Structures are given as structure tokens and as C-alpha cells.
């Protein structure tokens, strides 16, 4: 498979959120280096956001997006991400709806690829409705066009109906 940019959203709202995100990024990079499947890795700013679609009082999330230039097959990358979630204490909620999580890793966009199967949907189906994904994605590539959508990431961000507050994470202010 050819190299292409794959964008991955990372989020955490339980435990040492910043440390969890940073160790997850390191784990992704380690696997990709070991499999000789990475050319570059870039990281957006980290944002603190209210818990989207969850009850009031739910702990806030830290969210960021990483971009990896990789030739890794997406189903294999999904397995890598799921294993990293488990290693960080992620327990999958078997009920409908959203739940607290130590770590959530989502493949958001993978070049021009469109995937829709029982395991994976790329581009992420709710990408245009989530400010906490669009803002860090815009940090990395505001002109990025998402397959199947007409507007660039920066245009999607401007028109996003999600009015959740995003705050640039300041690790010195906890």
C-alpha cells in the first residue's frame, strides 16, 4: 500500500488524561516504527472539552489529533489502536451511548480512502459534527478535504453546529 496521511483522534476523560494521550502517541509511533510503516508523525494542540453527548457533570475530555504518514492497512491500524486502548485501561461500553474512557482512538480520515464495514467507518461518520475533532484537525491541515464532504476542515469548523467550548490545554493549570 502507498503512503498516505491518516488522521487519528485521541481523547481521554479519566485518570491522568494528558499522560494517557502522550503515552498513546508514543505507543502508536513505536508500533509503526517497528513495522517500518511510518514516514512522519505530527500532533495537534491538545484541547479540553466538555463531554459531548454525555450527562452534565461528566468529567471533561482532553482531545487531540495526530497525523501519521503511513502505508499501514487500516484494519491492522485499527487493531493496533484497540490494543493501545486496552493497554491504557479502556473498557468498552456494551450499552448504547457514550461513556467515560481512559482512552479513545478513532481513525478519522485516511487519504482518499472510504471504508464502511462492521469494524470500521472512514472517514469517521460524525467528523463534521464534532468541534473537538475539527479544531485539532484544522490545526494540522485546515485545507484538508474529507472524502465525501464538499468543504475543507476549516470551513466545516466554521459551520459546525456543535457549540461546545474548547479550551487550549495548559498543562500548568490543572
N, C-alpha and C. Protein backbone atom coordinates (compact mmCIF):
# COMPACT_ATOMS: atom_id res chain seq x y z
N UNK A 1 0.84 -1.18 0.00
CA UNK A 1 0.00 0.00 0.00
C UNK A 1 0.88 1.24 0.00
N UNK A 2 0.42 2.29 -0.65
CA UNK A 2 1.19 3.53 -0.73
C UNK A 2 1.04 4.36 0.56
N UNK A 3 2.01 5.23 0.77
CA UNK A 3 1.96 6.13 1.92
C UNK A 3 0.83 7.14 1.71
N UNK A 4 0.12 7.44 2.79
CA UNK A 4 -0.90 8.49 2.79
C UNK A 4 -1.05 8.99 4.22
N UNK A 5 -1.63 10.17 4.37
CA UNK A 5 -1.84 10.73 5.70
C UNK A 5 -3.08 10.12 6.32
N UNK A 6 -2.91 9.59 7.52
CA UNK A 6 -4.01 9.04 8.29
C UNK A 6 -4.12 9.89 9.56
N UNK A 7 -5.31 10.42 9.79
CA UNK A 7 -5.57 11.27 10.95
C UNK A 7 -6.31 10.45 11.99
N UNK A 8 -5.80 10.51 13.23
CA UNK A 8 -6.36 9.73 14.33
C UNK A 8 -6.72 10.68 15.46
N UNK A 9 -7.98 10.59 15.92
CA UNK A 9 -8.41 11.38 17.06
C UNK A 9 -8.15 10.62 18.35
N UNK A 10 -7.64 11.34 19.36
CA UNK A 10 -7.37 10.75 20.67
C UNK A 10 -8.12 11.55 21.72
N UNK A 11 -8.75 10.84 22.66
CA UNK A 11 -9.46 11.51 23.73
C UNK A 11 -9.37 10.74 25.03
N UNK A 12 -9.45 11.46 26.15
CA UNK A 12 -9.41 10.84 27.47
C UNK A 12 -10.13 11.73 28.47
N UNK A 13 -10.95 11.11 29.35
CA UNK A 13 -11.57 11.91 30.40
C UNK A 13 -11.48 11.26 31.78
N UNK A 14 -10.67 10.21 31.91
CA UNK A 14 -10.49 9.54 33.20
C UNK A 14 -9.00 9.41 33.48
N UNK A 15 -8.62 9.65 34.73
CA UNK A 15 -7.22 9.46 35.13
C UNK A 15 -6.35 10.63 34.69
N UNK A 16 -5.07 10.36 34.52
CA UNK A 16 -4.12 11.38 34.07
C UNK A 16 -4.26 11.52 32.56
N UNK A 17 -5.21 12.34 32.15
CA UNK A 17 -5.60 12.44 30.74
C UNK A 17 -4.44 12.81 29.82
N UNK A 18 -3.66 13.79 30.21
CA UNK A 18 -2.55 14.23 29.36
C UNK A 18 -1.50 13.12 29.21
N UNK A 19 -1.16 12.50 30.30
CA UNK A 19 -0.18 11.40 30.26
C UNK A 19 -0.69 10.26 29.39
N UNK A 20 -1.97 9.94 29.52
CA UNK A 20 -2.56 8.87 28.72
C UNK A 20 -2.45 9.17 27.24
N UNK A 21 -2.79 10.39 26.85
CA UNK A 21 -2.70 10.77 25.44
C UNK A 21 -1.25 10.70 24.96
N UNK A 22 -0.33 11.23 25.75
CA UNK A 22 1.07 11.23 25.34
C UNK A 22 1.65 9.82 25.23
N UNK A 23 1.32 8.94 26.17
CA UNK A 23 1.83 7.57 26.08
C UNK A 23 1.17 6.80 24.95
N UNK A 24 -0.07 7.14 24.63
CA UNK A 24 -0.74 6.50 23.48
C UNK A 24 -0.05 6.91 22.18
N UNK A 25 0.30 8.18 22.05
CA UNK A 25 1.00 8.65 20.85
C UNK A 25 2.34 7.93 20.72
N UNK A 26 3.05 7.81 21.83
CA UNK A 26 4.33 7.09 21.82
C UNK A 26 4.13 5.64 21.42
N UNK A 27 3.08 5.02 21.90
CA UNK A 27 2.80 3.61 21.56
C UNK A 27 2.49 3.44 20.08
N UNK A 28 1.71 4.36 19.52
CA UNK A 28 1.41 4.31 18.08
C UNK A 28 2.71 4.43 17.29
N UNK A 29 3.50 5.41 17.65
CA UNK A 29 4.76 5.63 16.93
C UNK A 29 5.68 4.40 17.04
N UNK A 30 5.74 3.80 18.21
CA UNK A 30 6.61 2.63 18.42
C UNK A 30 6.20 1.47 17.50
N UNK A 31 4.92 1.17 17.45
CA UNK A 31 4.44 0.08 16.59
C UNK A 31 4.75 0.37 15.12
N UNK A 32 4.51 1.60 14.70
CA UNK A 32 4.73 1.95 13.30
C UNK A 32 6.21 1.93 12.93
N UNK A 33 7.06 2.31 13.88
CA UNK A 33 8.50 2.23 13.63
C UNK A 33 8.92 0.76 13.54
N UNK A 34 8.42 -0.06 14.47
CA UNK A 34 8.77 -1.49 14.47
C UNK A 34 8.34 -2.19 13.18
N UNK A 35 7.21 -1.76 12.62
CA UNK A 35 6.72 -2.39 11.39
C UNK A 35 7.19 -1.65 10.14
N UNK A 36 8.03 -0.65 10.35
CA UNK A 36 8.56 0.17 9.24
C UNK A 36 7.43 0.73 8.38
N UNK A 37 6.42 1.26 9.08
CA UNK A 37 5.20 1.73 8.42
C UNK A 37 4.94 3.21 8.63
N UNK A 38 5.96 3.96 8.97
CA UNK A 38 5.73 5.38 9.24
C UNK A 38 6.81 6.22 8.57
N UNK A 39 6.38 7.36 8.04
CA UNK A 39 7.32 8.32 7.48
C UNK A 39 7.37 9.56 8.37
N UNK A 40 6.19 10.07 8.77
CA UNK A 40 6.13 11.23 9.65
C UNK A 40 4.99 11.08 10.65
N UNK A 41 5.08 11.84 11.75
CA UNK A 41 4.02 11.92 12.74
C UNK A 41 3.96 13.36 13.22
N UNK A 42 2.77 13.97 13.13
CA UNK A 42 2.57 15.32 13.65
C UNK A 42 1.41 15.29 14.63
N UNK A 43 1.46 16.22 15.58
CA UNK A 43 0.50 16.24 16.68
C UNK A 43 -0.12 17.63 16.77
N UNK A 44 -1.45 17.68 16.87
CA UNK A 44 -2.15 18.95 17.04
C UNK A 44 -1.97 19.45 18.47
N UNK A 45 -2.50 20.63 18.71
CA UNK A 45 -2.66 21.09 20.09
C UNK A 45 -3.61 20.14 20.81
N UNK A 46 -3.53 20.16 22.12
CA UNK A 46 -4.49 19.41 22.95
C UNK A 46 -5.52 20.41 23.45
N UNK A 47 -6.78 19.99 23.41
CA UNK A 47 -7.88 20.84 23.86
C UNK A 47 -8.66 20.15 24.97
N UNK A 48 -9.13 20.94 25.91
CA UNK A 48 -10.05 20.43 26.92
C UNK A 48 -11.45 20.79 26.46
N UNK A 49 -12.33 19.79 26.51
CA UNK A 49 -13.70 19.99 26.03
C UNK A 49 -14.70 19.36 26.98
N UNK A 50 -15.87 19.93 27.00
CA UNK A 50 -16.93 19.31 27.77
C UNK A 50 -17.26 17.96 27.14
N UNK A 51 -17.78 17.07 27.93
CA UNK A 51 -18.11 15.72 27.45
C UNK A 51 -19.30 15.81 26.50
N UNK A 52 -19.06 15.45 25.25
CA UNK A 52 -20.04 15.57 24.18
C UNK A 52 -21.04 14.41 24.25
N UNK A 53 -22.34 14.73 24.29
CA UNK A 53 -23.37 13.70 24.29
C UNK A 53 -23.47 12.92 25.58
N UNK A 54 -22.93 13.47 26.68
CA UNK A 54 -22.93 12.78 27.97
C UNK A 54 -23.60 13.66 29.02
N UNK A 55 -24.03 13.07 30.14
CA UNK A 55 -24.74 13.85 31.17
C UNK A 55 -23.89 14.98 31.74
N UNK A 56 -24.58 16.05 32.18
CA UNK A 56 -23.89 17.15 32.83
C UNK A 56 -23.15 16.62 34.04
N UNK A 57 -21.97 17.15 34.28
CA UNK A 57 -21.16 16.69 35.41
C UNK A 57 -20.15 15.62 35.03
N UNK A 58 -20.24 15.11 33.80
CA UNK A 58 -19.26 14.13 33.31
C UNK A 58 -17.92 14.84 33.20
N UNK A 59 -16.83 14.20 33.64
CA UNK A 59 -15.51 14.85 33.54
C UNK A 59 -15.20 15.28 32.11
N UNK A 60 -14.52 16.41 31.99
CA UNK A 60 -14.13 16.94 30.67
C UNK A 60 -13.10 16.03 30.00
N UNK A 61 -13.04 16.13 28.69
CA UNK A 61 -12.09 15.36 27.90
C UNK A 61 -10.91 16.22 27.51
N UNK A 62 -9.78 15.58 27.34
CA UNK A 62 -8.68 16.15 26.58
C UNK A 62 -8.73 15.46 25.23
N UNK A 63 -8.60 16.25 24.16
CA UNK A 63 -8.65 15.71 22.80
C UNK A 63 -7.53 16.30 21.96
N UNK A 64 -7.02 15.49 21.05
CA UNK A 64 -6.08 15.97 20.05
C UNK A 64 -6.19 15.06 18.83
N UNK A 65 -5.50 15.45 17.77
CA UNK A 65 -5.45 14.64 16.56
C UNK A 65 -3.98 14.48 16.19
N UNK A 66 -3.63 13.27 15.78
CA UNK A 66 -2.30 13.05 15.23
C UNK A 66 -2.45 12.70 13.75
N UNK A 67 -1.44 13.05 13.00
CA UNK A 67 -1.39 12.68 11.59
C UNK A 67 -0.15 11.82 11.39
N UNK A 68 -0.37 10.62 10.87
CA UNK A 68 0.77 9.76 10.56
C UNK A 68 0.79 9.53 9.05
N UNK A 69 1.97 9.65 8.49
CA UNK A 69 2.13 9.28 7.09
C UNK A 69 2.56 7.82 7.11
N UNK A 70 1.66 6.96 6.66
CA UNK A 70 1.87 5.53 6.80
C UNK A 70 1.33 4.78 5.60
N UNK A 71 1.83 3.57 5.44
CA UNK A 71 1.30 2.67 4.42
C UNK A 71 0.56 1.50 5.07
N UNK A 72 0.33 1.58 6.36
CA UNK A 72 -0.32 0.51 7.10
C UNK A 72 -1.77 0.35 6.66
N UNK A 73 -2.20 -0.87 6.50
CA UNK A 73 -3.59 -1.19 6.14
C UNK A 73 -4.49 -0.78 7.32
N UNK A 74 -5.64 -0.20 7.03
CA UNK A 74 -6.48 0.38 8.08
C UNK A 74 -7.01 -0.62 9.09
N UNK A 75 -7.36 -1.82 8.68
CA UNK A 75 -7.84 -2.80 9.66
C UNK A 75 -6.73 -3.20 10.63
N UNK A 76 -5.49 -3.28 10.13
CA UNK A 76 -4.36 -3.56 11.02
C UNK A 76 -4.15 -2.38 11.97
N UNK A 77 -4.22 -1.15 11.44
CA UNK A 77 -4.08 0.04 12.28
C UNK A 77 -5.17 0.08 13.34
N UNK A 78 -6.38 -0.27 12.99
CA UNK A 78 -7.47 -0.33 13.96
C UNK A 78 -7.13 -1.30 15.09
N UNK A 79 -6.60 -2.48 14.75
CA UNK A 79 -6.19 -3.46 15.77
C UNK A 79 -5.13 -2.87 16.69
N UNK A 80 -4.17 -2.16 16.11
CA UNK A 80 -3.12 -1.51 16.90
C UNK A 80 -3.75 -0.53 17.89
N UNK A 81 -4.67 0.30 17.40
CA UNK A 81 -5.31 1.31 18.25
C UNK A 81 -6.15 0.67 19.35
N UNK A 82 -6.89 -0.38 19.02
CA UNK A 82 -7.71 -1.05 20.03
C UNK A 82 -6.83 -1.66 21.12
N UNK A 83 -5.68 -2.24 20.73
CA UNK A 83 -4.75 -2.80 21.71
C UNK A 83 -4.16 -1.72 22.60
N UNK A 84 -3.88 -0.55 22.03
CA UNK A 84 -3.36 0.57 22.81
C UNK A 84 -4.43 1.06 23.79
N UNK A 85 -5.68 1.12 23.35
CA UNK A 85 -6.77 1.49 24.27
C UNK A 85 -6.83 0.51 25.44
N UNK A 86 -6.79 -0.77 25.16
CA UNK A 86 -6.86 -1.79 26.21
C UNK A 86 -5.68 -1.66 27.17
N UNK A 87 -4.49 -1.44 26.61
CA UNK A 87 -3.29 -1.28 27.44
C UNK A 87 -3.40 -0.07 28.37
N UNK A 88 -4.24 0.89 28.01
CA UNK A 88 -4.46 2.09 28.83
C UNK A 88 -5.72 1.96 29.69
N UNK A 89 -6.23 0.75 29.82
CA UNK A 89 -7.35 0.50 30.73
C UNK A 89 -8.72 0.76 30.15
N UNK A 90 -8.83 0.87 28.85
CA UNK A 90 -10.14 1.12 28.22
C UNK A 90 -11.03 -0.09 28.36
N UNK A 91 -12.21 0.14 28.85
CA UNK A 91 -13.25 -0.88 28.90
C UNK A 91 -14.35 -0.45 27.96
N UNK A 92 -14.67 -1.27 26.98
CA UNK A 92 -15.71 -0.93 26.01
C UNK A 92 -17.08 -1.03 26.66
N UNK A 93 -17.89 -0.03 26.42
CA UNK A 93 -19.26 0.00 26.89
C UNK A 93 -20.11 -0.83 25.92
N UNK A 94 -20.80 -1.83 26.44
CA UNK A 94 -21.63 -2.66 25.57
C UNK A 94 -23.04 -2.08 25.40
N UNK A 95 -23.35 -1.03 26.16
CA UNK A 95 -24.65 -0.38 26.05
C UNK A 95 -24.59 0.70 24.99
N UNK A 96 -25.75 1.17 24.58
CA UNK A 96 -25.83 2.28 23.63
C UNK A 96 -25.37 3.56 24.32
N UNK A 97 -24.86 4.49 23.55
CA UNK A 97 -24.49 5.79 24.08
C UNK A 97 -23.01 5.89 24.40
N UNK A 98 -22.64 7.04 24.94
CA UNK A 98 -21.25 7.34 25.24
C UNK A 98 -20.96 7.06 26.70
N UNK A 99 -19.68 6.81 27.00
CA UNK A 99 -19.28 6.53 28.37
C UNK A 99 -17.92 7.14 28.64
N UNK A 100 -17.58 7.26 29.92
CA UNK A 100 -16.26 7.71 30.31
C UNK A 100 -15.24 6.74 29.75
N UNK A 101 -14.03 7.25 29.49
CA UNK A 101 -13.00 6.37 28.97
C UNK A 101 -11.61 6.89 29.30
N UNK A 102 -10.75 5.94 29.59
CA UNK A 102 -9.35 6.30 29.81
C UNK A 102 -8.73 6.76 28.51
N UNK A 103 -9.11 6.10 27.40
CA UNK A 103 -8.55 6.44 26.10
C UNK A 103 -9.51 6.03 25.00
N UNK A 104 -9.66 6.91 24.04
CA UNK A 104 -10.45 6.63 22.84
C UNK A 104 -9.59 7.01 21.64
N UNK A 105 -9.44 6.08 20.71
CA UNK A 105 -8.66 6.32 19.49
C UNK A 105 -9.56 6.06 18.29
N UNK A 106 -9.73 7.05 17.44
CA UNK A 106 -10.58 6.90 16.27
C UNK A 106 -9.81 7.27 15.00
N UNK A 107 -9.87 6.40 14.00
CA UNK A 107 -9.34 6.75 12.69
C UNK A 107 -10.36 7.69 12.06
N UNK A 108 -9.93 8.91 11.76
CA UNK A 108 -10.83 9.94 11.27
C UNK A 108 -10.85 10.02 9.75
N UNK A 109 -9.66 10.09 9.15
CA UNK A 109 -9.51 10.25 7.71
C UNK A 109 -8.25 9.49 7.31
N UNK A 110 -8.30 8.86 6.14
CA UNK A 110 -7.13 8.11 5.64
C UNK A 110 -6.96 8.41 4.15
N UNK A 111 -6.29 9.51 3.86
CA UNK A 111 -6.11 9.89 2.46
C UNK A 111 -7.46 10.01 1.78
N UNK A 112 -7.58 9.36 0.62
CA UNK A 112 -8.83 9.38 -0.14
C UNK A 112 -9.68 8.14 0.12
N UNK A 113 -9.23 7.29 1.05
CA UNK A 113 -9.92 6.02 1.30
C UNK A 113 -11.29 6.23 1.93
N UNK A 114 -12.21 5.41 1.49
CA UNK A 114 -13.54 5.34 2.09
C UNK A 114 -13.75 3.88 2.47
N UNK A 115 -14.00 3.64 3.76
CA UNK A 115 -14.20 2.29 4.26
C UNK A 115 -15.50 2.27 5.04
N UNK A 116 -16.31 1.27 4.81
CA UNK A 116 -17.54 1.10 5.58
C UNK A 116 -17.81 -0.38 5.74
N UNK A 117 -17.50 -0.88 6.92
CA UNK A 117 -17.79 -2.28 7.23
C UNK A 117 -18.18 -2.39 8.70
N UNK A 118 -18.38 -3.59 9.18
CA UNK A 118 -18.85 -3.78 10.56
C UNK A 118 -17.83 -3.33 11.60
N UNK A 119 -16.55 -3.24 11.24
CA UNK A 119 -15.50 -2.86 12.18
C UNK A 119 -15.10 -1.40 12.10
N UNK A 120 -15.24 -0.81 10.92
CA UNK A 120 -14.59 0.47 10.69
C UNK A 120 -15.35 1.30 9.67
N UNK A 121 -15.44 2.60 9.98
CA UNK A 121 -16.03 3.54 9.02
C UNK A 121 -15.09 4.74 8.90
N UNK A 122 -14.54 4.92 7.71
CA UNK A 122 -13.60 6.01 7.43
C UNK A 122 -14.02 6.66 6.12
N UNK A 123 -14.14 7.99 6.10
CA UNK A 123 -13.98 8.94 7.19
C UNK A 123 -14.97 8.67 8.32
N UNK A 124 -14.58 9.13 9.51
CA UNK A 124 -15.44 8.94 10.67
C UNK A 124 -16.80 9.57 10.37
N UNK A 125 -17.88 8.84 10.63
CA UNK A 125 -19.21 9.31 10.20
C UNK A 125 -19.71 10.60 10.85
N UNK A 126 -19.19 10.96 12.02
CA UNK A 126 -19.67 12.18 12.70
C UNK A 126 -18.60 13.28 12.76
N UNK A 127 -17.62 13.18 11.90
CA UNK A 127 -16.49 14.12 11.93
C UNK A 127 -16.94 15.57 11.76
N UNK A 128 -17.89 15.83 10.90
CA UNK A 128 -18.31 17.21 10.62
C UNK A 128 -19.18 17.80 11.72
N UNK A 129 -19.61 16.99 12.67
CA UNK A 129 -20.50 17.44 13.74
C UNK A 129 -19.79 17.62 15.07
N UNK A 130 -18.47 17.43 15.10
CA UNK A 130 -17.74 17.44 16.36
C UNK A 130 -16.62 18.49 16.35
N UNK A 131 -16.88 19.56 17.05
CA UNK A 131 -15.89 20.64 17.15
C UNK A 131 -14.58 20.12 17.77
N UNK A 132 -14.68 19.21 18.74
CA UNK A 132 -13.49 18.70 19.42
C UNK A 132 -12.61 17.84 18.50
N UNK A 133 -13.13 17.47 17.34
CA UNK A 133 -12.33 16.79 16.32
C UNK A 133 -11.88 17.79 15.26
N UNK A 134 -12.79 18.64 14.82
CA UNK A 134 -12.48 19.58 13.74
C UNK A 134 -11.39 20.58 14.11
N UNK A 135 -11.41 21.09 15.36
CA UNK A 135 -10.40 22.10 15.73
C UNK A 135 -8.99 21.53 15.69
N UNK A 136 -8.71 20.41 16.36
CA UNK A 136 -7.34 19.88 16.26
C UNK A 136 -6.99 19.41 14.84
N UNK A 137 -7.97 18.92 14.10
CA UNK A 137 -7.73 18.54 12.71
C UNK A 137 -7.35 19.78 11.89
N UNK A 138 -8.02 20.89 12.16
CA UNK A 138 -7.71 22.15 11.48
C UNK A 138 -6.32 22.66 11.86
N UNK A 139 -5.89 22.40 13.09
CA UNK A 139 -4.53 22.77 13.50
C UNK A 139 -3.50 22.13 12.57
N UNK A 140 -3.76 20.89 12.18
CA UNK A 140 -2.82 20.14 11.36
C UNK A 140 -2.94 20.46 9.88
N UNK A 141 -4.18 20.59 9.37
CA UNK A 141 -4.37 20.85 7.94
C UNK A 141 -5.74 21.48 7.70
N UNK A 142 -5.84 22.81 7.81
CA UNK A 142 -7.14 23.47 7.66
C UNK A 142 -7.74 23.31 6.26
N UNK A 143 -6.90 23.05 5.26
CA UNK A 143 -7.39 22.91 3.88
C UNK A 143 -7.75 21.48 3.53
N UNK A 144 -7.57 20.56 4.48
CA UNK A 144 -7.86 19.15 4.23
C UNK A 144 -9.30 18.96 3.77
N UNK A 145 -9.47 18.23 2.68
CA UNK A 145 -10.80 17.86 2.19
C UNK A 145 -11.05 16.42 2.63
N UNK A 146 -12.19 16.21 3.23
CA UNK A 146 -12.57 14.88 3.71
C UNK A 146 -13.38 14.20 2.62
N UNK A 147 -12.97 13.00 2.22
CA UNK A 147 -13.72 12.30 1.17
C UNK A 147 -15.22 12.24 1.49
N UNK A 148 -16.02 12.60 0.51
CA UNK A 148 -17.48 12.57 0.67
C UNK A 148 -18.07 13.88 1.18
N UNK A 149 -17.23 14.82 1.60
CA UNK A 149 -17.71 16.11 2.06
C UNK A 149 -17.17 17.20 1.14
N UNK A 150 -17.95 18.23 0.92
CA UNK A 150 -17.58 19.29 -0.03
C UNK A 150 -16.59 20.30 0.55
N UNK A 151 -16.72 20.60 1.83
CA UNK A 151 -15.95 21.68 2.43
C UNK A 151 -14.64 21.22 3.03
N UNK A 152 -13.71 22.16 3.16
CA UNK A 152 -12.45 21.89 3.84
C UNK A 152 -12.72 21.80 5.34
N UNK A 153 -11.74 21.31 6.09
CA UNK A 153 -11.87 21.19 7.53
C UNK A 153 -12.14 22.56 8.16
N UNK A 154 -11.43 23.60 7.71
CA UNK A 154 -11.66 24.93 8.30
C UNK A 154 -13.09 25.42 8.01
N UNK A 155 -13.62 25.13 6.83
CA UNK A 155 -15.00 25.51 6.51
C UNK A 155 -15.99 24.70 7.34
N UNK A 156 -15.71 23.41 7.53
CA UNK A 156 -16.57 22.59 8.38
C UNK A 156 -16.57 23.12 9.81
N UNK A 157 -15.43 23.57 10.29
CA UNK A 157 -15.32 24.10 11.65
C UNK A 157 -16.16 25.37 11.79
N UNK A 158 -16.09 26.25 10.82
CA UNK A 158 -16.87 27.49 10.85
C UNK A 158 -18.37 27.18 10.87
N UNK A 159 -18.79 26.17 10.13
CA UNK A 159 -20.21 25.84 10.00
C UNK A 159 -20.69 24.77 10.97
N UNK A 160 -19.83 24.34 11.89
CA UNK A 160 -20.17 23.25 12.81
C UNK A 160 -21.28 23.68 13.77
N UNK A 161 -22.31 22.84 13.88
CA UNK A 161 -23.44 23.14 14.77
C UNK A 161 -23.12 22.84 16.23
N UNK A 162 -22.03 22.14 16.50
CA UNK A 162 -21.61 21.83 17.87
C UNK A 162 -21.01 23.10 18.48
N UNK A 163 -21.66 23.63 19.50
CA UNK A 163 -21.20 24.85 20.14
C UNK A 163 -20.42 24.59 21.42
N UNK A 164 -19.96 23.37 21.60
CA UNK A 164 -19.20 23.03 22.80
C UNK A 164 -17.97 23.93 22.93
N UNK A 165 -17.65 24.26 24.16
CA UNK A 165 -16.49 25.11 24.43
C UNK A 165 -15.22 24.26 24.36
N UNK A 166 -14.25 24.75 23.62
CA UNK A 166 -12.93 24.14 23.55
C UNK A 166 -11.93 25.11 24.16
N UNK A 167 -11.08 24.61 25.02
CA UNK A 167 -10.05 25.42 25.64
C UNK A 167 -8.71 24.79 25.34
N UNK A 168 -7.78 25.59 24.82
CA UNK A 168 -6.44 25.10 24.58
C UNK A 168 -5.88 24.62 25.92
N UNK A 169 -5.39 23.39 25.94
CA UNK A 169 -4.93 22.78 27.19
C UNK A 169 -3.64 23.43 27.65
N UNK A 170 -3.66 23.82 28.90
CA UNK A 170 -2.48 24.36 29.55
C UNK A 170 -2.12 23.40 30.67
N UNK A 171 -1.09 22.57 30.47
CA UNK A 171 -0.76 21.56 31.49
C UNK A 171 -0.34 22.15 32.81
N UNK A 172 -0.02 23.44 32.87
CA UNK A 172 0.37 24.04 34.14
C UNK A 172 -0.86 24.45 34.96
N UNK A 173 -2.03 24.42 34.33
CA UNK A 173 -3.28 24.80 35.01
C UNK A 173 -4.21 23.59 35.03
N UNK A 174 -4.12 22.82 36.09
CA UNK A 174 -4.93 21.59 36.15
C UNK A 174 -6.16 21.73 36.94
